[in-house]
Amino acid sequence: MKKLGIVFTLVILGFQFANAQLIKVVQEVFGMDCAPCAYGLERGLKKLDGLEKIVVSLNDGKAYLTLASGNTVTLKKIQDEVKKNGFSARNAKVIMIGDLNKVGNEWVMKVNNETFKMEDRQSLNIKNLASGLVKMSVEVADEDDKQLSNNWAIKIIEILALER
């Protein structure tokens, strides 16, 4: 009976891990300088489907998003909403699960139709990578608000789990 419980738990965890998705996003927001601004941004971000929890901090200048399991939210959607509310979306720290593959000389992770490319300077972390589903914590480089795309340069903070 105990073995059956362990197998069931592993199957449930496997299903949660199998979906490429954003899990948590800490988005820096530039230009937010009053409480009504933070409140307006929070209300705008709450309109995104797939959010579990959101906190916008005026003091930190950041939006803290926790996303529901199985969500299809993209970083571009989050940054578009920040921009739509009159602010600039800067760097973001993201925990995500994605499909990691080597394309030519670059490691590329696909999450919800977005492409995240690993920076070359990270030889130590990149040497330990292998293709497959990966859960990692990353820092996403700032992009020009006028040219937001679905392609992002990222720096690995920590590899949290691998599934091959």
C-alpha atoms as a PDB file:
ATOM      1  CA  MET A   1       0.000   0.000   0.000  1.00  0.00           C
ATOM      2  CA  LYS A   2       2.844   2.367   0.841  1.00  0.00           C
ATOM      3  CA  LYS A   3       4.412   1.730  -2.602  1.00  0.00           C
ATOM      4  CA  LEU A   4       1.112   2.542  -4.293  1.00  0.00           C
ATOM      5  CA  GLY A   5       0.970   5.891  -2.442  1.00  0.00           C
ATOM      6  CA  ILE A   6       4.541   6.734  -3.508  1.00  0.00           C
ATOM      7  CA  VAL A   7       3.828   5.836  -7.139  1.00  0.00           C
ATOM      8  CA  PHE A   8       0.630   7.938  -7.092  1.00  0.00           C
ATOM      9  CA  THR A   9       2.529  10.927  -5.663  1.00  0.00           C
ATOM     10  CA  LEU A  10       5.254  10.619  -8.319  1.00  0.00           C
ATOM     11  CA  VAL A  11       2.640  10.424 -11.094  1.00  0.00           C
ATOM     12  CA  ILE A  12       0.883  13.575  -9.814  1.00  0.00           C
ATOM     13  CA  LEU A  13       4.198  15.440  -9.518  1.00  0.00           C
ATOM     14  CA  GLY A  14       5.168  14.244 -12.996  1.00  0.00           C
ATOM     15  CA  PHE A  15       1.972  15.665 -14.499  1.00  0.00           C
ATOM     16  CA  GLN A  16       2.616  19.016 -12.843  1.00  0.00           C
ATOM     17  CA  PHE A  17       6.183  19.037 -14.118  1.00  0.00           C
ATOM     18  CA  ALA A  18       5.290  17.914 -17.643  1.00  0.00           C
ATOM     19  CA  ASN A  19       3.661  21.213 -18.659  1.00  0.00           C
ATOM     20  CA  ALA A  20       5.934  24.007 -19.866  1.00  0.00           C
ATOM     21  CA  GLN A  21       4.831  27.115 -17.996  1.00  0.00           C
ATOM     22  CA  LEU A  22       5.797  30.134 -15.955  1.00  0.00           C
ATOM     23  CA  ILE A  23       5.491  29.452 -12.216  1.00  0.00           C
ATOM     24  CA  LYS A  24       6.555  32.712 -10.550  1.00  0.00           C
ATOM     25  CA  VAL A  25       7.529  36.103 -11.966  1.00  0.00           C
ATOM     26  CA  VAL A  26       9.050  39.067 -10.158  1.00  0.00           C
ATOM     27  CA  GLN A  27       8.747  41.883 -12.696  1.00  0.00           C
ATOM     28  CA  GLU A  28      10.587  45.173 -12.135  1.00  0.00           C
ATOM     29  CA  VAL A  29       8.356  48.139 -12.956  1.00  0.00           C
ATOM     30  CA  PHE A  30       9.818  51.564 -13.740  1.00  0.00           C
ATOM     31  CA  GLY A  31       7.785  54.754 -13.424  1.00  0.00           C
ATOM     32  CA  MET A  32       5.380  53.662 -10.696  1.00  0.00           C
ATOM     33  CA  ASP A  33       5.465  56.456  -8.112  1.00  0.00           C
ATOM     34  CA  CYS A  34       2.115  56.538  -6.303  1.00  0.00           C
ATOM     35  CA  ALA A  35      -0.284  54.146  -4.580  1.00  0.00           C
ATOM     36  CA  PRO A  36      -3.038  54.587  -7.207  1.00  0.00           C
ATOM     37  CA  CYS A  37      -0.449  53.668  -9.878  1.00  0.00           C
ATOM     38  CA  ALA A  38       0.397  50.405  -8.083  1.00  0.00           C
ATOM     39  CA  TYR A  39      -3.295  49.646  -7.542  1.00  0.00           C
ATOM     40  CA  GLY A  40      -4.106  50.269 -11.215  1.00  0.00           C
ATOM     41  CA  LEU A  41      -1.293  47.983 -12.353  1.00  0.00           C
ATOM     42  CA  GLU A  42      -2.421  45.264  -9.949  1.00  0.00           C
ATOM     43  CA  ARG A  43      -5.973  45.475 -11.309  1.00  0.00           C
ATOM     44  CA  GLY A  44      -4.662  45.296 -14.880  1.00  0.00           C
ATOM     45  CA  LEU A  45      -2.481  42.270 -14.188  1.00  0.00           C
ATOM     46  CA  LYS A  46      -5.347  40.492 -12.400  1.00  0.00           C
ATOM     47  CA  LYS A  47      -7.160  40.392 -15.747  1.00  0.00           C
ATOM     48  CA  LEU A  48      -4.613  37.880 -17.077  1.00  0.00           C
ATOM     49  CA  ASP A  49      -5.964  34.319 -17.085  1.00  0.00           C
ATOM     50  CA  GLY A  50      -3.844  31.883 -15.107  1.00  0.00           C
ATOM     51  CA  LEU A  51      -2.826  34.035 -12.149  1.00  0.00           C
ATOM     52  CA  GLU A  52      -3.057  32.559  -8.686  1.00  0.00           C
ATOM     53  CA  LYS A  53      -1.718  35.509  -6.681  1.00  0.00           C
ATOM     54  CA  ILE A  54      -0.439  38.990  -7.441  1.00  0.00           C
ATOM     55  CA  VAL A  55       1.114  41.689  -5.289  1.00  0.00           C
ATOM     56  CA  VAL A  56       2.340  44.997  -6.696  1.00  0.00           C
ATOM     57  CA  SER A  57       4.768  46.772  -4.365  1.00  0.00           C
ATOM     58  CA  LEU A  58       5.193  50.499  -4.775  1.00  0.00           C
ATOM     59  CA  ASN A  59       8.164  50.478  -2.360  1.00  0.00           C
ATOM     60  CA  ASP A  60      10.017  47.723  -4.255  1.00  0.00           C
ATOM     61  CA  GLY A  61       8.921  48.881  -7.710  1.00  0.00           C
ATOM     62  CA  LYS A  62       7.994  45.289  -8.537  1.00  0.00           C
ATOM     63  CA  ALA A  63       5.044  43.076  -9.379  1.00  0.00           C
ATOM     64  CA  TYR A  64       5.122  39.638  -7.725  1.00  0.00           C
ATOM     65  CA  LEU A  65       3.083  37.067  -9.664  1.00  0.00           C
ATOM     66  CA  THR A  66       2.377  33.450  -8.754  1.00  0.00           C
ATOM     67  CA  LEU A  67       0.795  31.560 -11.614  1.00  0.00           C
ATOM     68  CA  ALA A  68      -1.701  28.700 -11.482  1.00  0.00           C
ATOM     69  CA  SER A  69      -0.697  25.215 -12.568  1.00  0.00           C
ATOM     70  CA  GLY A  70      -1.286  24.660 -16.287  1.00  0.00           C
ATOM     71  CA  ASN A  71      -1.349  28.393 -17.124  1.00  0.00           C
ATOM     72  CA  THR A  72      -0.542  29.771 -20.578  1.00  0.00           C
ATOM     73  CA  VAL A  73       0.619  33.208 -19.418  1.00  0.00           C
ATOM     74  CA  THR A  74       3.670  34.562 -21.241  1.00  0.00           C
ATOM     75  CA  LEU A  75       6.254  37.063 -20.089  1.00  0.00           C
ATOM     76  CA  LYS A  76       5.297  39.212 -23.079  1.00  0.00           C
ATOM     77  CA  LYS A  77       1.664  39.345 -21.887  1.00  0.00           C
ATOM     78  CA  ILE A  78       2.833  40.454 -18.443  1.00  0.00           C
ATOM     79  CA  GLN A  79       5.145  43.109 -19.853  1.00  0.00           C
ATOM     80  CA  ASP A  80       2.505  44.288 -22.337  1.00  0.00           C
ATOM     81  CA  GLU A  81       0.093  44.813 -19.427  1.00  0.00           C
ATOM     82  CA  VAL A  82       2.751  46.784 -17.516  1.00  0.00           C
ATOM     83  CA  LYS A  83       3.299  48.963 -20.591  1.00  0.00           C
ATOM     84  CA  LYS A  84      -0.465  49.353 -21.175  1.00  0.00           C
ATOM     85  CA  ASN A  85      -0.716  50.809 -17.655  1.00  0.00           C
ATOM     86  CA  GLY A  86       1.868  53.485 -18.488  1.00  0.00           C
ATOM     87  CA  PHE A  87       5.021  51.950 -17.007  1.00  0.00           C
ATOM     88  CA  SER A  88       8.212  50.359 -18.275  1.00  0.00           C
ATOM     89  CA  ALA A  89       8.815  46.655 -17.678  1.00  0.00           C
ATOM     90  CA  ARG A  90      12.447  46.105 -16.740  1.00  0.00           C
ATOM     91  CA  ASN A  91      14.343  42.984 -15.679  1.00  0.00           C
ATOM     92  CA  ALA A  92      12.368  40.012 -14.422  1.00  0.00           C
ATOM     93  CA  LYS A  93      13.234  37.023 -12.261  1.00  0.00           C
ATOM     94  CA  VAL A  94      11.272  33.979 -13.341  1.00  0.00           C
ATOM     95  CA  ILE A  95      10.816  30.410 -12.153  1.00  0.00           C
ATOM     96  CA  MET A  96       9.650  28.324 -15.091  1.00  0.00           C
ATOM     97  CA  ILE A  97       9.379  24.840 -16.509  1.00  0.00           C
ATOM     98  CA  GLY A  98      10.310  24.492 -20.146  1.00  0.00           C
ATOM     99  CA  ASP A  99      11.537  22.283 -22.936  1.00  0.00           C
ATOM    100  CA  LEU A 100      15.304  22.748 -23.176  1.00  0.00           C
ATOM    101  CA  ASN A 101      17.184  21.951 -26.389  1.00  0.00           C
ATOM    102  CA  LYS A 102      20.497  22.789 -27.968  1.00  0.00           C
ATOM    103  CA  VAL A 103      20.065  24.641 -31.262  1.00  0.00           C
ATOM    104  CA  GLY A 104      23.435  24.998 -32.981  1.00  0.00           C
ATOM    105  CA  ASN A 105      25.730  26.339 -30.271  1.00  0.00           C
ATOM    106  CA  GLU A 106      22.917  27.840 -28.160  1.00  0.00           C
ATOM    107  CA  TRP A 107      20.758  26.383 -25.419  1.00  0.00           C
ATOM    108  CA  VAL A 108      17.127  27.396 -25.950  1.00  0.00           C
ATOM    109  CA  MET A 109      14.151  26.868 -23.633  1.00  0.00           C
ATOM    110  CA  LYS A 110      10.565  26.959 -24.948  1.00  0.00           C
ATOM    111  CA  VAL A 111       7.788  28.003 -22.572  1.00  0.00           C
ATOM    112  CA  ASN A 112       4.228  28.878 -23.694  1.00  0.00           C
ATOM    113  CA  ASN A 113       5.320  29.794 -27.249  1.00  0.00           C
ATOM    114  CA  GLU A 114       8.178  31.967 -25.998  1.00  0.00           C
ATOM    115  CA  THR A 115      11.864  31.316 -26.568  1.00  0.00           C
ATOM    116  CA  PHE A 116      14.415  31.889 -23.822  1.00  0.00           C
ATOM    117  CA  LYS A 117      18.091  31.823 -24.924  1.00  0.00           C
ATOM    118  CA  MET A 118      20.858  31.158 -22.409  1.00  0.00           C
ATOM    119  CA  GLU A 119      23.641  33.733 -22.259  1.00  0.00           C
ATOM    120  CA  ASP A 120      27.049  32.415 -23.374  1.00  0.00           C
ATOM    121  CA  ARG A 121      28.864  33.796 -20.332  1.00  0.00           C
ATOM    122  CA  GLN A 122      27.443  31.047 -18.141  1.00  0.00           C
ATOM    123  CA  SER A 123      29.777  28.219 -19.101  1.00  0.00           C
ATOM    124  CA  LEU A 124      29.598  26.631 -15.642  1.00  0.00           C
ATOM    125  CA  ASN A 125      25.803  26.229 -15.621  1.00  0.00           C
ATOM    126  CA  ILE A 126      25.537  25.482 -19.336  1.00  0.00           C
ATOM    127  CA  LYS A 127      28.029  22.601 -19.123  1.00  0.00           C
ATOM    128  CA  ASN A 128      25.593  20.795 -16.806  1.00  0.00           C
ATOM    129  CA  LEU A 129      22.568  21.107 -19.105  1.00  0.00           C
ATOM    130  CA  ALA A 130      20.884  18.323 -21.042  1.00  0.00           C
ATOM    131  CA  SER A 131      17.881  18.350 -23.376  1.00  0.00           C
ATOM    132  CA  GLY A 132      14.455  17.718 -21.859  1.00  0.00           C
ATOM    133  CA  LEU A 133      12.054  19.355 -19.448  1.00  0.00           C
ATOM    134  CA  VAL A 134      13.808  21.627 -16.971  1.00  0.00           C
ATOM    135  CA  LYS A 135      12.614  23.699 -14.038  1.00  0.00           C
ATOM    136  CA  MET A 136      14.879  26.664 -13.417  1.00  0.00           C
ATOM    137  CA  SER A 137      15.126  30.079 -11.868  1.00  0.00           C
ATOM    138  CA  VAL A 138      16.368  32.683 -14.348  1.00  0.00           C
ATOM    139  CA  GLU A 139      16.924  36.404 -14.758  1.00  0.00           C
ATOM    140  CA  VAL A 140      15.471  37.857 -17.947  1.00  0.00           C
ATOM    141  CA  ALA A 141      17.342  40.741 -19.543  1.00  0.00           C
ATOM    142  CA  ASP A 142      15.571  44.066 -19.989  1.00  0.00           C
ATOM    143  CA  GLU A 143      14.194  44.702 -23.473  1.00  0.00           C
ATOM    144  CA  ASP A 144      13.135  47.923 -25.142  1.00  0.00           C
ATOM    145  CA  ASP A 145       9.419  48.427 -24.435  1.00  0.00           C
ATOM    146  CA  LYS A 146       8.856  49.357 -28.092  1.00  0.00           C
ATOM    147  CA  GLN A 147      10.266  46.053 -29.313  1.00  0.00           C
ATOM    148  CA  LEU A 148       8.858  43.429 -26.917  1.00  0.00           C
ATOM    149  CA  SER A 149       8.921  40.020 -28.556  1.00  0.00           C
ATOM    150  CA  ASN A 150       8.571  36.378 -27.603  1.00  0.00           C
ATOM    151  CA  ASN A 151      12.357  35.907 -27.571  1.00  0.00           C
ATOM    152  CA  TRP A 152      14.317  36.586 -24.393  1.00  0.00           C
ATOM    153  CA  ALA A 153      17.958  36.458 -23.297  1.00  0.00           C
ATOM    154  CA  ILE A 154      18.268  34.852 -19.872  1.00  0.00           C
ATOM    155  CA  LYS A 155      20.861  34.190 -17.212  1.00  0.00           C
ATOM    156  CA  ILE A 156      20.433  31.002 -15.175  1.00  0.00           C
ATOM    157  CA  ILE A 157      20.216  31.621 -11.448  1.00  0.00           C
ATOM    158  CA  GLU A 158      19.590  28.007 -10.439  1.00  0.00           C
ATOM    159  CA  ILE A 159      18.583  24.715 -12.066  1.00  0.00           C
ATOM    160  CA  LEU A 160      15.817  23.394  -9.817  1.00  0.00           C
ATOM    161  CA  ALA A 161      14.889  20.090 -11.493  1.00  0.00           C
ATOM    162  CA  LEU A 162      15.588  18.067 -14.612  1.00  0.00           C
ATOM    163  CA  GLU A 163      13.364  15.517 -16.349  1.00  0.00           C
ATOM    164  CA  ARG A 164      14.829  13.634 -19.269  1.00  0.00           C
END
